[in-house]
Amino acid sequence: GDSLDIYYAAFRVPDLIYNLLILGALSAAFIPVFTGLIAKDEKSEAWELVNVFLTTALLFLIVLAAILAIFAPQLMKIITPGFSEEKMQGVVMLTRIMFLSPIFLGISGIFGGILNSFKRFLIYSLAPIMYNLGIIFGAVFLVKPFGIAGLAWGVVIGAFLHMAIQYPNVKMIGLKYFPHLNFRNKNLRKVVTLMIPRTMGLAVTQVNLLVVTIIASTLAAGSLAIFNFANNLQSFPLGIFAIPFALAVFPILSHHAARDERSIFIQNFSKTFRQILFFIIPASILILVLRAQIVRIVLGVGNFDWQDTILTFQALGIFAVSLFAQSTIPLLARSFYALHNTRVPFLTGIISEVCSLAAALI
């Protein structure tokens, strides 16, 4: 209904900031450059890059979040034009609170990039669990005293926990943070150069999600929620098989690329590609065959009736058909990033998103 539509719509812009500026920079630029410096035994330069990048990212995120929070009413009118005045007020309030989350997630993302580069995956894998626990805490304990705003504060708490759990491990590895701005740092410039095409590619993806939100806001109440439910369910096998494999092999690919060991690079890529498909194809078939049962078991309580179930499993069935392709994208993209090539994923992403956007509008 309306409450869940408001909650999901409020996520859009804070998610946009995080995905464009931090996720893009880390996957395409920071990790390959940082791993390359470690592989070449240039550790002092590597840690200097961390300090400069962390300070620059933190300053930029705080300023950007503050500006967007001020202009949230105008921004959300563009993103959710079909919402009533009452729903619009709720979206603006939640969005302003959630603008704190990209700041914490930005710092956490850099911590995660360091842990990935040193192949420390355990604590990194616990961070999203802490994020979700924060969201659950907000839903269970903060809604009663704060109303729907409690959901947004849950997201902020989750983002802080996402950061906090990684900090001790990063400090143990060797982080000695001190604020340091140096726009002339050659490695920072290299990171920025590599991240520009990646950020532009992600911008196209995020525009696609914004258009989906705009379209859904003009449909029946609950449409945006149903789309997100189906999307979250199909993301489950991607989160278990596709992304962890891609994340785990990324520092290895970056290491071999830095040393120009192409044959070992190709061997690792090929093995990981086949492993992902080995798990994801059977998972896709199971989701396609049992989509109604999956939706009913996971979501079929409270106000979620049989009609909601039908609409959700119809969307889930369409998503399931593309899982084999979606699952290989994280690995394919990171393979190019390891080679310091962000142009090919950018151009491919544009073509893909234009097709997707055209189909959504039709």
Protein backbone atom coordinates (compact mmCIF):
# COMPACT_ATOMS: atom_id res chain seq x y z
CA GLY A 1 0.00 0.00 0.00
CA ASP A 2 0.89 3.68 0.37
CA SER A 3 3.33 3.28 3.29
CA LEU A 4 5.54 0.80 1.47
CA ASP A 5 5.43 2.85 -1.75
CA ILE A 6 6.65 5.87 0.24
CA TYR A 7 9.43 3.81 1.87
CA TYR A 8 10.74 2.41 -1.42
CA ALA A 9 10.47 5.75 -3.24
CA ALA A 10 12.47 7.44 -0.44
CA PHE A 11 15.34 4.99 -1.04
CA ARG A 12 15.86 6.11 -4.64
CA VAL A 13 17.97 9.28 -4.29
CA PRO A 14 20.15 8.17 -1.32
CA ASP A 15 20.77 4.91 -3.22
CA LEU A 16 21.60 6.95 -6.31
CA ILE A 17 24.34 8.85 -4.43
CA TYR A 18 25.86 5.69 -2.99
CA ASN A 19 25.74 3.70 -6.24
CA LEU A 20 27.14 6.46 -8.42
CA LEU A 21 29.87 7.91 -6.25
CA ILE A 22 31.01 5.11 -3.97
CA LEU A 23 30.06 1.77 -5.52
CA GLY A 24 31.19 2.92 -8.96
CA ALA A 25 34.45 4.36 -7.72
CA LEU A 26 35.29 1.30 -5.64
CA SER A 27 34.53 -1.47 -8.12
CA ALA A 28 35.93 0.27 -11.20
CA ALA A 29 38.76 2.34 -9.84
CA PHE A 30 39.82 2.24 -6.19
CA ILE A 31 40.24 -1.54 -5.74
CA PRO A 32 42.28 -2.11 -8.97
CA VAL A 33 44.57 0.87 -8.23
CA PHE A 34 44.95 0.02 -4.52
CA THR A 35 45.53 -3.70 -5.25
CA GLY A 36 48.05 -2.77 -7.97
CA LEU A 37 50.05 -0.67 -5.48
CA ILE A 38 50.00 -3.51 -2.92
CA ALA A 39 51.04 -6.05 -5.60
CA LYS A 40 54.00 -3.82 -6.55
CA ASP A 41 54.94 -3.49 -2.85
CA GLU A 42 54.24 0.25 -2.81
CA LYS A 43 52.40 0.17 0.52
CA SER A 44 53.10 3.73 1.64
CA GLU A 45 51.55 5.07 -1.59
CA ALA A 46 48.61 2.66 -1.16
CA TRP A 47 47.78 3.93 2.35
CA GLU A 48 48.27 7.54 1.29
CA LEU A 49 45.69 6.92 -1.45
CA VAL A 50 43.27 5.55 1.17
CA ASN A 51 43.61 8.67 3.34
CA VAL A 52 43.22 11.08 0.41
CA PHE A 53 40.32 9.16 -1.15
CA LEU A 54 38.51 8.73 2.20
CA THR A 55 38.81 12.44 3.05
CA THR A 56 37.71 13.56 -0.43
CA ALA A 57 34.76 11.14 -0.55
CA LEU A 58 33.60 12.08 2.97
CA LEU A 59 33.69 15.82 2.29
CA PHE A 60 31.91 15.47 -1.04
CA LEU A 61 29.18 13.17 0.35
CA ILE A 62 28.40 15.48 3.31
CA VAL A 63 28.08 18.56 1.07
CA LEU A 64 26.04 16.73 -1.57
CA ALA A 65 23.68 15.12 0.98
CA ALA A 66 23.08 18.52 2.63
CA ILE A 67 22.25 20.23 -0.69
CA LEU A 68 19.92 17.42 -1.81
CA ALA A 69 18.17 17.38 1.59
CA ILE A 70 17.36 21.09 1.16
CA PHE A 71 15.93 20.52 -2.32
CA ALA A 72 14.23 17.20 -1.49
CA PRO A 73 10.63 18.50 -2.09
CA GLN A 74 11.45 19.65 -5.64
CA LEU A 75 13.45 16.50 -6.32
CA MET A 76 10.75 14.07 -5.19
CA LYS A 77 8.07 15.83 -7.26
CA ILE A 78 10.08 14.82 -10.32
CA ILE A 79 10.66 11.24 -9.15
CA THR A 80 7.13 10.50 -7.84
CA PRO A 81 4.79 12.74 -9.89
CA GLY A 82 1.81 10.42 -9.34
CA PHE A 83 1.90 10.63 -5.53
CA SER A 84 -0.74 12.60 -3.62
CA GLU A 85 0.29 15.59 -1.46
CA GLU A 86 0.13 13.46 1.71
CA LYS A 87 2.31 10.73 0.20
CA MET A 88 4.71 13.38 -1.11
CA GLN A 89 5.21 14.82 2.39
CA GLY A 90 6.02 11.34 3.69
CA VAL A 91 8.52 10.68 0.88
CA VAL A 92 10.30 14.02 1.47
CA MET A 93 10.58 13.38 5.23
CA LEU A 94 11.98 9.85 4.79
CA THR A 95 14.35 10.93 2.01
CA ARG A 96 15.87 13.68 4.17
CA ILE A 97 16.54 11.24 7.02
CA MET A 98 17.96 8.63 4.65
CA PHE A 99 20.49 11.11 3.24
CA LEU A 100 22.63 10.27 6.29
CA SER A 101 23.01 6.67 5.11
CA PRO A 102 25.21 7.31 2.01
CA ILE A 103 27.75 9.08 4.24
CA PHE A 104 28.15 6.02 6.50
CA LEU A 105 27.90 3.59 3.58
CA GLY A 106 30.49 5.62 1.66
CA ILE A 107 33.06 5.25 4.44
CA SER A 108 32.07 1.60 4.85
CA GLY A 109 32.44 0.99 1.12
CA ILE A 110 36.05 2.20 1.20
CA PHE A 111 36.71 -0.03 4.24
CA GLY A 112 35.19 -2.92 2.28
CA GLY A 113 37.41 -2.15 -0.72
CA ILE A 114 40.49 -2.39 1.53
CA LEU A 115 39.29 -5.70 3.00
CA ASN A 116 38.61 -7.06 -0.51
CA SER A 117 42.09 -6.06 -1.68
CA PHE A 118 43.61 -8.01 1.22
CA LYS A 119 41.19 -10.93 0.55
CA ARG A 120 39.55 -10.52 3.99
CA PHE A 121 35.98 -11.52 3.14
CA LEU A 122 34.47 -12.67 6.45
CA ILE A 123 33.93 -9.28 8.12
CA TYR A 124 33.06 -7.76 4.73
CA SER A 125 30.29 -10.36 4.34
CA LEU A 126 28.90 -9.58 7.81
CA ALA A 127 28.46 -5.86 7.01
CA PRO A 128 25.26 -6.27 4.92
CA ILE A 129 23.81 -8.44 7.71
CA MET A 130 24.37 -5.61 10.18
CA TYR A 131 22.76 -3.19 7.69
CA ASN A 132 19.67 -5.38 7.49
CA LEU A 133 19.55 -5.81 11.26
CA GLY A 134 19.46 -2.02 11.58
CA ILE A 135 16.55 -1.85 9.11
CA ILE A 136 14.71 -4.61 11.01
CA PHE A 137 15.34 -2.81 14.30
CA GLY A 138 13.78 0.35 12.85
CA ALA A 139 10.73 -1.55 11.57
CA VAL A 140 10.15 -3.43 14.83
CA PHE A 141 11.07 -0.88 17.53
CA LEU A 142 11.09 2.63 16.03
CA VAL A 143 7.83 2.74 14.06
CA LYS A 144 5.68 2.88 17.20
CA PRO A 145 7.37 5.97 18.73
CA PHE A 146 8.34 7.75 15.47
CA GLY A 147 5.76 6.54 12.93
CA ILE A 148 6.91 5.86 9.35
CA ALA A 149 10.06 7.93 10.06
CA GLY A 150 11.20 5.02 12.25
CA LEU A 151 11.76 3.00 9.06
CA ALA A 152 14.15 5.67 7.75
CA TRP A 153 16.03 5.87 11.06
CA GLY A 154 16.40 2.08 10.87
CA VAL A 155 18.16 2.49 7.52
CA VAL A 156 20.54 5.08 9.02
CA ILE A 157 21.32 2.82 12.01
CA GLY A 158 21.92 -0.07 9.60
CA ALA A 159 24.33 2.05 7.52
CA PHE A 160 26.26 3.05 10.66
CA LEU A 161 26.53 -0.61 11.75
CA HIS A 162 27.65 -1.54 8.20
CA MET A 163 30.58 0.85 8.69
CA ALA A 164 31.30 0.13 12.37
CA ILE A 165 31.74 -3.64 12.02
CA GLN A 166 34.46 -3.25 9.35
CA TYR A 167 36.53 -0.53 11.04
CA PRO A 168 38.42 -2.70 13.61
CA ASN A 169 39.52 -5.16 10.91
CA VAL A 170 40.67 -2.39 8.56
CA LYS A 171 42.63 -0.75 11.40
CA MET A 172 44.25 -4.11 12.17
CA ILE A 173 45.36 -4.45 8.53
CA GLY A 174 47.18 -1.12 8.69
CA LEU A 175 44.83 1.86 8.29
CA LYS A 176 46.08 4.94 10.17
CA TYR A 177 43.55 7.53 9.10
CA PHE A 178 44.23 11.24 9.20
CA PRO A 179 42.31 13.86 7.18
CA HIS A 180 44.32 14.59 4.06
CA LEU A 181 43.20 16.53 0.97
CA ASN A 182 45.55 16.36 -2.02
CA PHE A 183 43.94 16.69 -5.43
CA ARG A 184 47.36 16.41 -7.08
CA ASN A 185 47.91 12.87 -5.80
CA LYS A 186 48.62 10.84 -8.96
CA ASN A 187 46.84 7.71 -7.68
CA LEU A 188 43.73 9.70 -6.72
CA ARG A 189 43.70 11.20 -10.22
CA LYS A 190 43.99 7.71 -11.67
CA VAL A 191 41.02 6.56 -9.54
CA VAL A 192 38.96 9.57 -10.69
CA THR A 193 39.89 8.98 -14.36
CA LEU A 194 38.85 5.33 -14.15
CA MET A 195 35.64 6.01 -12.23
CA ILE A 196 34.19 8.62 -14.64
CA PRO A 197 33.00 6.11 -17.31
CA ARG A 198 31.86 3.73 -14.57
CA THR A 199 29.89 6.48 -12.84
CA MET A 200 28.30 7.49 -16.15
CA GLY A 201 27.34 3.87 -16.79
CA LEU A 202 25.81 3.57 -13.33
CA ALA A 203 24.01 6.88 -13.90
CA VAL A 204 22.21 5.30 -16.86
CA THR A 205 21.20 2.34 -14.66
CA GLN A 206 19.96 4.64 -11.92
CA VAL A 207 17.99 6.73 -14.43
CA ASN A 208 16.34 3.47 -15.48
CA LEU A 209 15.33 2.78 -11.85
CA LEU A 210 14.06 6.35 -11.48
CA VAL A 211 11.92 5.97 -14.63
CA VAL A 212 10.53 2.70 -13.23
CA THR A 213 9.68 4.59 -10.01
CA ILE A 214 8.02 7.38 -12.01
CA ILE A 215 5.97 4.87 -14.03
CA ALA A 216 5.01 2.87 -10.92
CA SER A 217 3.96 6.03 -9.05
CA THR A 218 1.27 6.62 -11.70
CA LEU A 219 -0.12 3.07 -11.39
CA ALA A 220 -2.32 1.55 -8.67
CA ALA A 221 -1.18 1.86 -5.03
CA GLY A 222 1.28 -0.91 -4.23
CA SER A 223 2.69 -1.20 -7.77
CA LEU A 224 6.13 0.08 -6.76
CA ALA A 225 6.13 -2.26 -3.75
CA ILE A 226 5.25 -5.29 -5.92
CA PHE A 227 8.03 -4.46 -8.39
CA ASN A 228 10.53 -4.16 -5.52
CA PHE A 229 9.34 -7.39 -3.89
CA ALA A 230 9.87 -9.32 -7.16
CA ASN A 231 13.22 -7.61 -7.71
CA ASN A 232 14.39 -8.44 -4.18
CA LEU A 233 13.40 -12.10 -4.56
CA GLN A 234 15.25 -12.48 -7.87
CA SER A 235 18.27 -10.73 -6.32
CA PHE A 236 18.58 -13.54 -3.75
CA PRO A 237 20.45 -16.04 -6.01
CA LEU A 238 22.50 -13.16 -7.44
CA GLY A 239 23.52 -12.19 -3.90
CA ILE A 240 24.45 -15.78 -3.02
CA PHE A 241 26.23 -16.93 -6.19
CA ALA A 242 26.99 -14.14 -8.69
CA ILE A 243 28.20 -11.21 -6.58
CA PRO A 244 30.28 -13.17 -4.00
CA PHE A 245 32.15 -15.05 -6.76
CA ALA A 246 32.81 -11.77 -8.62
CA LEU A 247 33.93 -9.99 -5.42
CA ALA A 248 36.19 -12.84 -4.36
CA VAL A 249 38.00 -13.15 -7.69
CA PHE A 250 38.25 -9.38 -8.32
CA PRO A 251 41.42 -8.72 -6.25
CA ILE A 252 42.98 -11.85 -7.78
CA LEU A 253 42.22 -10.61 -11.31
CA SER A 254 43.53 -7.14 -10.41
CA HIS A 255 46.72 -8.67 -8.99
CA HIS A 256 47.44 -10.72 -12.14
CA ALA A 257 46.50 -7.81 -14.41
CA ALA A 258 48.95 -5.54 -12.53
CA ARG A 259 51.71 -8.12 -13.12
CA ASP A 260 50.64 -8.66 -16.76
CA GLU A 261 49.99 -12.38 -16.13
CA ARG A 262 47.31 -12.72 -18.81
CA SER A 263 47.14 -16.54 -19.00
CA ILE A 264 46.52 -16.86 -15.23
CA PHE A 265 44.03 -13.97 -15.47
CA ILE A 266 42.04 -15.79 -18.20
CA GLN A 267 42.19 -19.09 -16.30
CA ASN A 268 40.72 -17.50 -13.14
CA PHE A 269 38.05 -15.65 -15.12
CA SER A 270 36.97 -18.76 -17.05
CA LYS A 271 36.76 -20.94 -13.95
CA THR A 272 34.68 -18.37 -12.04
CA PHE A 273 32.37 -17.75 -15.02
CA ARG A 274 31.55 -21.47 -15.25
CA GLN A 275 31.07 -21.80 -11.48
CA ILE A 276 28.52 -18.97 -11.46
CA LEU A 277 26.48 -20.51 -14.29
CA PHE A 278 26.71 -23.96 -12.65
CA PHE A 279 24.76 -22.61 -9.65
CA ILE A 280 22.58 -19.94 -11.22
CA ILE A 281 20.94 -21.93 -14.05
CA PRO A 282 19.37 -24.58 -11.72
CA ALA A 283 18.36 -21.77 -9.32
CA SER A 284 16.63 -19.93 -12.19
CA ILE A 285 14.67 -23.05 -13.17
CA LEU A 286 13.59 -23.60 -9.54
CA ILE A 287 12.42 -19.98 -9.20
CA LEU A 288 10.52 -20.18 -12.49
CA VAL A 289 8.76 -23.44 -11.58
CA LEU A 290 8.06 -22.59 -7.91
CA ARG A 291 7.59 -18.81 -8.19
CA ALA A 292 4.04 -18.81 -6.77
CA GLN A 293 5.05 -20.94 -3.78
CA ILE A 294 8.17 -18.84 -3.15
CA VAL A 295 6.21 -15.58 -3.13
CA ARG A 296 3.50 -17.02 -0.90
CA ILE A 297 5.94 -18.48 1.64
CA VAL A 298 8.14 -15.36 1.84
CA LEU A 299 5.51 -12.62 1.60
CA GLY A 300 2.05 -14.15 2.04
CA VAL A 301 1.08 -12.75 5.45
CA GLY A 302 -0.93 -9.82 6.81
CA ASN A 303 -2.28 -7.51 4.11
CA PHE A 304 -0.43 -9.36 1.33
CA ASP A 305 -3.37 -11.17 -0.31
CA TRP A 306 -3.66 -13.65 -3.19
CA GLN A 307 -3.97 -10.91 -5.82
CA ASP A 308 -0.70 -9.38 -4.58
CA THR A 309 0.86 -12.85 -4.79
CA ILE A 310 -0.23 -13.27 -8.42
CA LEU A 311 1.13 -9.87 -9.47
CA THR A 312 4.44 -10.47 -7.67
CA PHE A 313 5.07 -13.97 -9.04
CA GLN A 314 4.25 -12.79 -12.58
CA ALA A 315 7.00 -10.16 -12.29
CA LEU A 316 9.34 -12.69 -10.62
CA GLY A 317 8.85 -15.15 -13.50
CA ILE A 318 9.99 -12.51 -16.00
CA PHE A 319 13.03 -11.66 -13.84
CA ALA A 320 13.96 -15.36 -13.54
CA VAL A 321 14.37 -15.73 -17.32
CA SER A 322 17.21 -13.18 -17.30
CA LEU A 323 19.04 -14.45 -14.22
CA PHE A 324 21.70 -16.35 -16.19
CA ALA A 325 22.68 -13.09 -17.91
CA GLN A 326 22.39 -10.90 -14.82
CA SER A 327 24.61 -13.29 -12.87
CA THR A 328 27.58 -12.94 -15.22
CA ILE A 329 27.53 -9.11 -15.42
CA PRO A 330 29.32 -8.48 -12.06
CA LEU A 331 32.19 -10.77 -13.11
CA LEU A 332 32.39 -9.50 -16.70
CA ALA A 333 32.44 -5.87 -15.58
CA ARG A 334 35.06 -6.44 -12.88
CA SER A 335 37.28 -8.29 -15.34
CA PHE A 336 37.43 -5.14 -17.46
CA TYR A 337 37.95 -2.97 -14.36
CA ALA A 338 40.89 -5.16 -13.32
CA LEU A 339 42.44 -4.37 -16.71
CA HIS A 340 41.77 -0.63 -16.07
CA ASN A 341 39.23 -0.62 -18.90
CA THR A 342 36.00 1.11 -17.89
CA ARG A 343 34.93 2.09 -21.41
CA VAL A 344 33.57 -1.30 -22.58
CA PRO A 345 31.28 -1.84 -19.54
CA PHE A 346 30.10 1.78 -19.92
CA LEU A 347 29.12 1.41 -23.59
CA THR A 348 27.54 -2.00 -22.98
CA GLY A 349 25.59 -0.60 -20.03
CA ILE A 350 24.21 2.27 -22.10
CA ILE A 351 22.95 -0.06 -24.85
CA SER A 352 21.42 -2.40 -22.25
CA GLU A 353 19.69 0.34 -20.28
CA VAL A 354 18.30 2.10 -23.38
CA CYS A 355 16.69 -1.20 -24.44
CA SER A 356 15.36 -1.76 -20.91
CA LEU A 357 14.01 1.79 -20.66
CA ALA A 358 12.28 1.56 -24.06
CA ALA A 359 10.66 -1.73 -23.05
CA ALA A 360 9.49 -0.30 -19.71
CA LEU A 361 7.89 2.73 -21.40
CA ILE A 362 6.20 0.54 -24.02
